[in-house]
Amino acid sequence: MKRYLILHKDRNATYKYFLSPHNGGYILTILYYDKIGTWTKSEEV
């Protein structure tokens, strides 16, 4: 499976976006890394 990674940084956090093919569409997985050092994952179709 092909996944596309977009890495974005701003002053407060680092974001990783994974775009994965799924059932003819795509799933966008967002990993959010804040200053405290915790990864928070949110996913939407």
PDB file of N, CA and C in Angstrom:
ATOM      1  N   MET A   1       0.838  -1.185   0.000  1.00  0.00           N
ATOM      2  CA  MET A   1       0.000   0.000   0.000  1.00  0.00           C
ATOM      3  C   MET A   1       0.882   1.247   0.000  1.00  0.00           C
ATOM      4  N   LYS A   2       0.530   2.178  -0.844  1.00  0.00           N
ATOM      5  CA  LYS A   2       1.311   3.399  -0.941  1.00  0.00           C
ATOM      6  C   LYS A   2       0.770   4.428   0.043  1.00  0.00           C
ATOM      7  N   ARG A   3       1.671   5.038   0.792  1.00  0.00           N
ATOM      8  CA  ARG A   3       1.249   6.073   1.736  1.00  0.00           C
ATOM      9  C   ARG A   3       2.013   7.351   1.433  1.00  0.00           C
ATOM     10  N   TYR A   4       1.340   8.440   1.608  1.00  0.00           N
ATOM     11  CA  TYR A   4       1.965   9.730   1.364  1.00  0.00           C
ATOM     12  C   TYR A   4       2.151  10.443   2.697  1.00  0.00           C
ATOM     13  N   LEU A   5       3.342  10.922   2.938  1.00  0.00           N
ATOM     14  CA  LEU A   5       3.639  11.579   4.210  1.00  0.00           C
ATOM     15  C   LEU A   5       3.885  13.064   3.991  1.00  0.00           C
ATOM     16  N   ILE A   6       3.190  13.876   4.775  1.00  0.00           N
ATOM     17  CA  ILE A   6       3.435  15.310   4.763  1.00  0.00           C
ATOM     18  C   ILE A   6       3.831  15.710   6.179  1.00  0.00           C
ATOM     19  N   LEU A   7       4.978  16.325   6.310  1.00  0.00           N
ATOM     20  CA  LEU A   7       5.443  16.742   7.634  1.00  0.00           C
ATOM     21  C   LEU A   7       5.352  18.258   7.727  1.00  0.00           C
ATOM     22  N   HIS A   8       4.688  18.742   8.754  1.00  0.00           N
ATOM     23  CA  HIS A   8       4.504  20.185   8.924  1.00  0.00           C
ATOM     24  C   HIS A   8       4.911  20.596  10.327  1.00  0.00           C
ATOM     25  N   LYS A   9       5.673  21.677  10.424  1.00  0.00           N
ATOM     26  CA  LYS A   9       6.081  22.164  11.739  1.00  0.00           C
ATOM     27  C   LYS A   9       5.671  23.623  11.894  1.00  0.00           C
ATOM     28  N   ASP A  10       5.197  23.956  13.076  1.00  0.00           N
ATOM     29  CA  ASP A  10       5.018  25.362  13.408  1.00  0.00           C
ATOM     30  C   ASP A  10       5.635  25.597  14.784  1.00  0.00           C
ATOM     31  N   ARG A  11       5.379  26.746  15.365  1.00  0.00           N
ATOM     32  CA  ARG A  11       6.038  27.075  16.638  1.00  0.00           C
ATOM     33  C   ARG A  11       5.583  26.170  17.778  1.00  0.00           C
ATOM     34  N   ASN A  12       4.358  25.681  17.682  1.00  0.00           N
ATOM     35  CA  ASN A  12       3.780  24.950  18.810  1.00  0.00           C
ATOM     36  C   ASN A  12       3.822  23.440  18.668  1.00  0.00           C
ATOM     37  N   ALA A  13       3.878  22.961  17.452  1.00  0.00           N
ATOM     38  CA  ALA A  13       3.724  21.519  17.280  1.00  0.00           C
ATOM     39  C   ALA A  13       4.300  21.048  15.957  1.00  0.00           C
ATOM     40  N   THR A  14       4.410  19.737  15.856  1.00  0.00           N
ATOM     41  CA  THR A  14       4.810  19.095  14.609  1.00  0.00           C
ATOM     42  C   THR A  14       3.673  18.188  14.176  1.00  0.00           C
ATOM     43  N   TYR A  15       3.326  18.251  12.908  1.00  0.00           N
ATOM     44  CA  TYR A  15       2.228  17.441  12.397  1.00  0.00           C
ATOM     45  C   TYR A  15       2.747  16.483  11.337  1.00  0.00           C
ATOM     46  N   LYS A  16       2.270  15.238  11.375  1.00  0.00           N
ATOM     47  CA  LYS A  16       2.551  14.284  10.309  1.00  0.00           C
ATOM     48  C   LYS A  16       1.221  13.882   9.698  1.00  0.00           C
ATOM     49  N   TYR A  17       1.115  14.018   8.387  1.00  0.00           N
ATOM     50  CA  TYR A  17      -0.106  13.627   7.694  1.00  0.00           C
ATOM     51  C   TYR A  17       0.194  12.404   6.833  1.00  0.00           C
ATOM     52  N   PHE A  18      -0.553  11.335   7.017  1.00  0.00           N
ATOM     53  CA  PHE A  18      -0.423  10.152   6.178  1.00  0.00           C
ATOM     54  C   PHE A  18      -1.675  10.024   5.326  1.00  0.00           C
ATOM     55  N   LEU A  19      -1.499   9.951   4.013  1.00  0.00           N
ATOM     56  CA  LEU A  19      -2.630   9.758   3.112  1.00  0.00           C
ATOM     57  C   LEU A  19      -2.537   8.348   2.548  1.00  0.00           C
ATOM     58  N   SER A  20      -3.496   7.501   2.899  1.00  0.00           N
ATOM     59  CA  SER A  20      -3.467   6.100   2.496  1.00  0.00           C
ATOM     60  C   SER A  20      -4.698   5.746   1.672  1.00  0.00           C
ATOM     61  N   PRO A  21      -4.506   5.054   0.527  1.00  0.00           N
ATOM     62  CA  PRO A  21      -5.643   4.587  -0.266  1.00  0.00           C
ATOM     63  C   PRO A  21      -6.489   3.609   0.533  1.00  0.00           C
ATOM     64  N   HIS A  22      -7.808   3.725   0.414  1.00  0.00           N
ATOM     65  CA  HIS A  22      -8.694   2.845   1.163  1.00  0.00           C
ATOM     66  C   HIS A  22     -10.053   2.758   0.480  1.00  0.00           C
ATOM     67  N   ASN A  23     -10.389   1.568   0.005  1.00  0.00           N
ATOM     68  CA  ASN A  23     -11.701   1.317  -0.604  1.00  0.00           C
ATOM     69  C   ASN A  23     -12.067   2.342  -1.668  1.00  0.00           C
ATOM     70  N   GLY A  24     -11.152   2.626  -2.569  1.00  0.00           N
ATOM     71  CA  GLY A  24     -11.437   3.554  -3.648  1.00  0.00           C
ATOM     72  C   GLY A  24     -11.355   5.010  -3.221  1.00  0.00           C
ATOM     73  N   GLY A  25     -11.126   5.233  -1.918  1.00  0.00           N
ATOM     74  CA  GLY A  25     -10.976   6.601  -1.417  1.00  0.00           C
ATOM     75  C   GLY A  25      -9.655   6.718  -0.696  1.00  0.00           C
ATOM     76  N   TYR A  26      -9.600   7.627   0.224  1.00  0.00           N
ATOM     77  CA  TYR A  26      -8.369   7.810   0.981  1.00  0.00           C
ATOM     78  C   TYR A  26      -8.668   7.973   2.461  1.00  0.00           C
ATOM     79  N   ILE A  27      -7.730   7.560   3.289  1.00  0.00           N
ATOM     80  CA  ILE A  27      -7.818   7.815   4.722  1.00  0.00           C
ATOM     81  C   ILE A  27      -6.703   8.792   5.078  1.00  0.00           C
ATOM     82  N   LEU A  28      -7.085   9.861   5.742  1.00  0.00           N
ATOM     83  CA  LEU A  28      -6.101  10.830   6.193  1.00  0.00           C
ATOM     84  C   LEU A  28      -5.836  10.612   7.675  1.00  0.00           C
ATOM     85  N   THR A  29      -4.597  10.230   7.990  1.00  0.00           N
ATOM     86  CA  THR A  29      -4.217  10.022   9.380  1.00  0.00           C
ATOM     87  C   THR A  29      -3.330  11.183   9.818  1.00  0.00           C
ATOM     88  N   ILE A  30      -3.735  11.829  10.880  1.00  0.00           N
ATOM     89  CA  ILE A  30      -2.980  12.981  11.365  1.00  0.00           C
ATOM     90  C   ILE A  30      -2.322  12.644  12.701  1.00  0.00           C
ATOM     91  N   LEU A  31      -1.010  12.786  12.756  1.00  0.00           N
ATOM     92  CA  LEU A  31      -0.289  12.618  14.014  1.00  0.00           C
ATOM     93  C   LEU A  31       0.167  13.998  14.476  1.00  0.00           C
ATOM     94  N   TYR A  32      -0.201  14.346  15.687  1.00  0.00           N
ATOM     95  CA  TYR A  32       0.070  15.674  16.223  1.00  0.00           C
ATOM     96  C   TYR A  32       1.046  15.560  17.386  1.00  0.00           C
ATOM     97  N   TYR A  33       2.167  16.219  17.267  1.00  0.00           N
ATOM     98  CA  TYR A  33       3.210  16.151  18.299  1.00  0.00           C
ATOM     99  C   TYR A  33       3.351  17.528  18.936  1.00  0.00           C
ATOM    100  N   ASP A  34       2.983  17.637  20.205  1.00  0.00           N
ATOM    101  CA  ASP A  34       3.045  18.951  20.843  1.00  0.00           C
ATOM    102  C   ASP A  34       4.343  19.124  21.633  1.00  0.00           C
ATOM    103  N   LYS A  35       4.483  20.275  22.269  1.00  0.00           N
ATOM    104  CA  LYS A  35       5.713  20.596  23.002  1.00  0.00           C
ATOM    105  C   LYS A  35       5.970  19.644  24.158  1.00  0.00           C
ATOM    106  N   ILE A  36       4.895  19.103  24.717  1.00  0.00           N
ATOM    107  CA  ILE A  36       5.031  18.208  25.867  1.00  0.00           C
ATOM    108  C   ILE A  36       5.669  16.882  25.440  1.00  0.00           C
ATOM    109  N   GLY A  37       5.526  16.547  24.168  1.00  0.00           N
ATOM    110  CA  GLY A  37       6.158  15.338  23.665  1.00  0.00           C
ATOM    111  C   GLY A  37       5.204  14.174  23.537  1.00  0.00           C
ATOM    112  N   THR A  38       3.927  14.459  23.344  1.00  0.00           N
ATOM    113  CA  THR A  38       2.952  13.383  23.187  1.00  0.00           C
ATOM    114  C   THR A  38       2.416  13.365  21.760  1.00  0.00           C
ATOM    115  N   TRP A  39       2.237  12.152  21.247  1.00  0.00           N
ATOM    116  CA  TRP A  39       1.665  11.993  19.910  1.00  0.00           C
ATOM    117  C   TRP A  39       0.170  11.760  20.050  1.00  0.00           C
ATOM    118  N   THR A  40      -0.613  12.554  19.340  1.00  0.00           N
ATOM    119  CA  THR A  40      -2.055  12.382  19.333  1.00  0.00           C
ATOM    120  C   THR A  40      -2.476  12.044  17.915  1.00  0.00           C
ATOM    121  N   LYS A  41      -3.224  10.965  17.764  1.00  0.00           N
ATOM    122  CA  LYS A  41      -3.613  10.514  16.432  1.00  0.00           C
ATOM    123  C   LYS A  41      -5.100  10.753  16.210  1.00  0.00           C
ATOM    124  N   SER A  42      -5.409  11.404  15.108  1.00  0.00           N
ATOM    125  CA  SER A  42      -6.806  11.552  14.721  1.00  0.00           C
ATOM    126  C   SER A  42      -6.937  11.084  13.281  1.00  0.00           C
ATOM    127  N   GLU A  43      -8.026  10.443  12.974  1.00  0.00           N
ATOM    128  CA  GLU A  43      -8.186   9.846  11.650  1.00  0.00           C
ATOM    129  C   GLU A  43      -9.543  10.208  11.078  1.00  0.00           C
ATOM    130  N   GLU A  44      -9.565  10.524   9.803  1.00  0.00           N
ATOM    131  CA  GLU A  44     -10.833  10.801   9.159  1.00  0.00           C
ATOM    132  C   GLU A  44     -10.838  10.218   7.761  1.00  0.00           C
ATOM    133  N   VAL A  45     -12.014   9.854   7.279  1.00  0.00           N
ATOM    134  CA  VAL A  45     -12.127   9.250   5.948  1.00  0.00           C
ATOM    135  C   VAL A  45     -12.637  10.310   4.992  1.00  0.00           C
TER     136      VAL A  45
END
